[in-house]
């Protein structure tokens, strides 16, 4: 089982999202920590970024994260609408 770690900007992003979508995103993140294989169709590795980032699709929102396999930690980098979230990674 993985542990979640949020960067400061990701927590700010989550607070800006309306309450209904926050609940759905939190449920998906809990599923991600327990068994990432359940969400494998919604996870893709991001190309063209400097880091080793992945994205989790949750409706119109995207959760950008980095996975540290050895420590079993998932670091949430950004959370946002699909039209905006990728611009902050460049």
C-alpha atoms as a PDB file:
ATOM      1  CA  UNK A   1       0.000   0.000   0.000  1.00  0.00           C
ATOM      2  CA  UNK A   2       1.328   3.407  -1.031  1.00  0.00           C
ATOM      3  CA  UNK A   3       1.365   6.585   1.048  1.00  0.00           C
ATOM      4  CA  UNK A   4       0.208   9.920  -0.368  1.00  0.00           C
ATOM      5  CA  UNK A   5       2.271  13.066  -0.118  1.00  0.00           C
ATOM      6  CA  UNK A   6       0.891  16.370  -1.393  1.00  0.00           C
ATOM      7  CA  UNK A   7       3.038  19.259  -2.509  1.00  0.00           C
ATOM      8  CA  UNK A   8       1.815  22.635  -1.261  1.00  0.00           C
ATOM      9  CA  UNK A   9       0.560  23.729  -4.672  1.00  0.00           C
ATOM     10  CA  UNK A  10      -1.463  20.520  -5.080  1.00  0.00           C
ATOM     11  CA  UNK A  11      -3.322  21.163  -1.813  1.00  0.00           C
ATOM     12  CA  UNK A  12      -4.126  24.693  -2.976  1.00  0.00           C
ATOM     13  CA  UNK A  13      -5.376  23.286  -6.280  1.00  0.00           C
ATOM     14  CA  UNK A  14      -7.637  20.811  -4.502  1.00  0.00           C
ATOM     15  CA  UNK A  15      -9.162  23.527  -2.312  1.00  0.00           C
ATOM     16  CA  UNK A  16     -10.105  25.570  -5.388  1.00  0.00           C
ATOM     17  CA  UNK A  17     -12.159  22.729  -6.892  1.00  0.00           C
ATOM     18  CA  UNK A  18     -15.850  22.498  -6.014  1.00  0.00           C
ATOM     19  CA  UNK A  19     -16.826  20.141  -3.189  1.00  0.00           C
ATOM     20  CA  UNK A  20     -18.505  17.453  -5.330  1.00  0.00           C
ATOM     21  CA  UNK A  21     -15.420  16.963  -7.495  1.00  0.00           C
ATOM     22  CA  UNK A  22     -13.131  17.071  -4.450  1.00  0.00           C
ATOM     23  CA  UNK A  23     -14.910  14.039  -3.011  1.00  0.00           C
ATOM     24  CA  UNK A  24     -14.549  12.083  -6.257  1.00  0.00           C
ATOM     25  CA  UNK A  25     -10.858  12.991  -6.562  1.00  0.00           C
ATOM     26  CA  UNK A  26     -10.188  11.924  -2.969  1.00  0.00           C
ATOM     27  CA  UNK A  27     -11.924   8.577  -3.574  1.00  0.00           C
ATOM     28  CA  UNK A  28      -9.789   7.948  -6.651  1.00  0.00           C
ATOM     29  CA  UNK A  29      -6.616   8.850  -4.749  1.00  0.00           C
ATOM     30  CA  UNK A  30      -7.515   6.347  -2.026  1.00  0.00           C
ATOM     31  CA  UNK A  31      -8.054   3.695  -4.698  1.00  0.00           C
ATOM     32  CA  UNK A  32      -4.667   4.623  -6.174  1.00  0.00           C
ATOM     33  CA  UNK A  33      -2.914   4.070  -2.838  1.00  0.00           C
ATOM     34  CA  UNK A  34      -4.575   0.725  -2.179  1.00  0.00           C
ATOM     35  CA  UNK A  35      -4.292  -0.852  -5.617  1.00  0.00           C
ATOM     36  CA  UNK A  36      -2.992   1.178  -8.590  1.00  0.00           C
ATOM     37  CA  UNK A  37      -3.881  -1.625 -11.022  1.00  0.00           C
ATOM     38  CA  UNK A  38      -7.590  -0.871 -10.569  1.00  0.00           C
ATOM     39  CA  UNK A  39      -7.104   2.527 -12.236  1.00  0.00           C
ATOM     40  CA  UNK A  40      -4.611   1.437 -14.897  1.00  0.00           C
ATOM     41  CA  UNK A  41      -6.908   2.569 -17.739  1.00  0.00           C
ATOM     42  CA  UNK A  42      -6.975   6.105 -16.309  1.00  0.00           C
ATOM     43  CA  UNK A  43      -3.228   6.436 -15.687  1.00  0.00           C
ATOM     44  CA  UNK A  44      -0.725   7.446 -18.355  1.00  0.00           C
ATOM     45  CA  UNK A  45       2.895   8.483 -18.246  1.00  0.00           C
ATOM     46  CA  UNK A  46       3.406  12.077 -19.362  1.00  0.00           C
ATOM     47  CA  UNK A  47       5.713  12.743 -22.267  1.00  0.00           C
ATOM     48  CA  UNK A  48       7.735  15.894 -22.761  1.00  0.00           C
ATOM     49  CA  UNK A  49       8.193  16.741 -19.104  1.00  0.00           C
ATOM     50  CA  UNK A  50      11.451  16.955 -17.205  1.00  0.00           C
ATOM     51  CA  UNK A  51      10.334  14.624 -14.419  1.00  0.00           C
ATOM     52  CA  UNK A  52       8.916  11.141 -14.275  1.00  0.00           C
ATOM     53  CA  UNK A  53       5.280  12.230 -14.088  1.00  0.00           C
ATOM     54  CA  UNK A  54       2.011  10.379 -14.511  1.00  0.00           C
ATOM     55  CA  UNK A  55      -1.532  11.641 -14.818  1.00  0.00           C
ATOM     56  CA  UNK A  56      -4.691  10.216 -13.312  1.00  0.00           C
ATOM     57  CA  UNK A  57      -7.883  11.069 -15.159  1.00  0.00           C
ATOM     58  CA  UNK A  58     -10.841  11.888 -12.906  1.00  0.00           C
ATOM     59  CA  UNK A  59     -13.656  13.185 -15.108  1.00  0.00           C
ATOM     60  CA  UNK A  60     -12.625  16.601 -16.440  1.00  0.00           C
ATOM     61  CA  UNK A  61      -9.866  16.880 -13.854  1.00  0.00           C
ATOM     62  CA  UNK A  62      -6.334  15.538 -13.893  1.00  0.00           C
ATOM     63  CA  UNK A  63      -4.099  14.577 -10.996  1.00  0.00           C
ATOM     64  CA  UNK A  64      -0.402  14.848 -11.866  1.00  0.00           C
ATOM     65  CA  UNK A  65       1.782  12.659  -9.690  1.00  0.00           C
ATOM     66  CA  UNK A  66       5.200  11.096  -9.321  1.00  0.00           C
ATOM     67  CA  UNK A  67       5.638   7.555  -8.052  1.00  0.00           C
ATOM     68  CA  UNK A  68       8.528   6.491  -5.815  1.00  0.00           C
ATOM     69  CA  UNK A  69       8.462   2.708  -5.957  1.00  0.00           C
ATOM     70  CA  UNK A  70      11.205   1.989  -3.427  1.00  0.00           C
ATOM     71  CA  UNK A  71       9.601   4.055  -0.638  1.00  0.00           C
ATOM     72  CA  UNK A  72       6.018   3.261  -1.736  1.00  0.00           C
ATOM     73  CA  UNK A  73       5.132   6.952  -1.924  1.00  0.00           C
ATOM     74  CA  UNK A  74       2.932   8.755  -4.436  1.00  0.00           C
ATOM     75  CA  UNK A  75       3.716  12.484  -4.599  1.00  0.00           C
ATOM     76  CA  UNK A  76       0.800  14.577  -5.853  1.00  0.00           C
ATOM     77  CA  UNK A  77       2.263  17.471  -7.848  1.00  0.00           C
ATOM     78  CA  UNK A  78      -0.768  19.274  -9.322  1.00  0.00           C
ATOM     79  CA  UNK A  79      -4.540  18.877  -9.541  1.00  0.00           C
ATOM     80  CA  UNK A  80      -6.608  20.821 -12.039  1.00  0.00           C
ATOM     81  CA  UNK A  81      -8.955  20.976 -14.982  1.00  0.00           C
ATOM     82  CA  UNK A  82      -7.695  19.185 -18.053  1.00  0.00           C
ATOM     83  CA  UNK A  83      -7.421  22.433 -20.027  1.00  0.00           C
ATOM     84  CA  UNK A  84      -5.126  24.123 -17.510  1.00  0.00           C
ATOM     85  CA  UNK A  85      -3.136  21.614 -15.471  1.00  0.00           C
ATOM     86  CA  UNK A  86      -0.478  20.738 -18.035  1.00  0.00           C
ATOM     87  CA  UNK A  87       0.744  24.325 -18.534  1.00  0.00           C
ATOM     88  CA  UNK A  88       2.203  24.454 -15.036  1.00  0.00           C
ATOM     89  CA  UNK A  89       4.552  21.511 -15.678  1.00  0.00           C
ATOM     90  CA  UNK A  90       6.678  23.068 -18.410  1.00  0.00           C
END
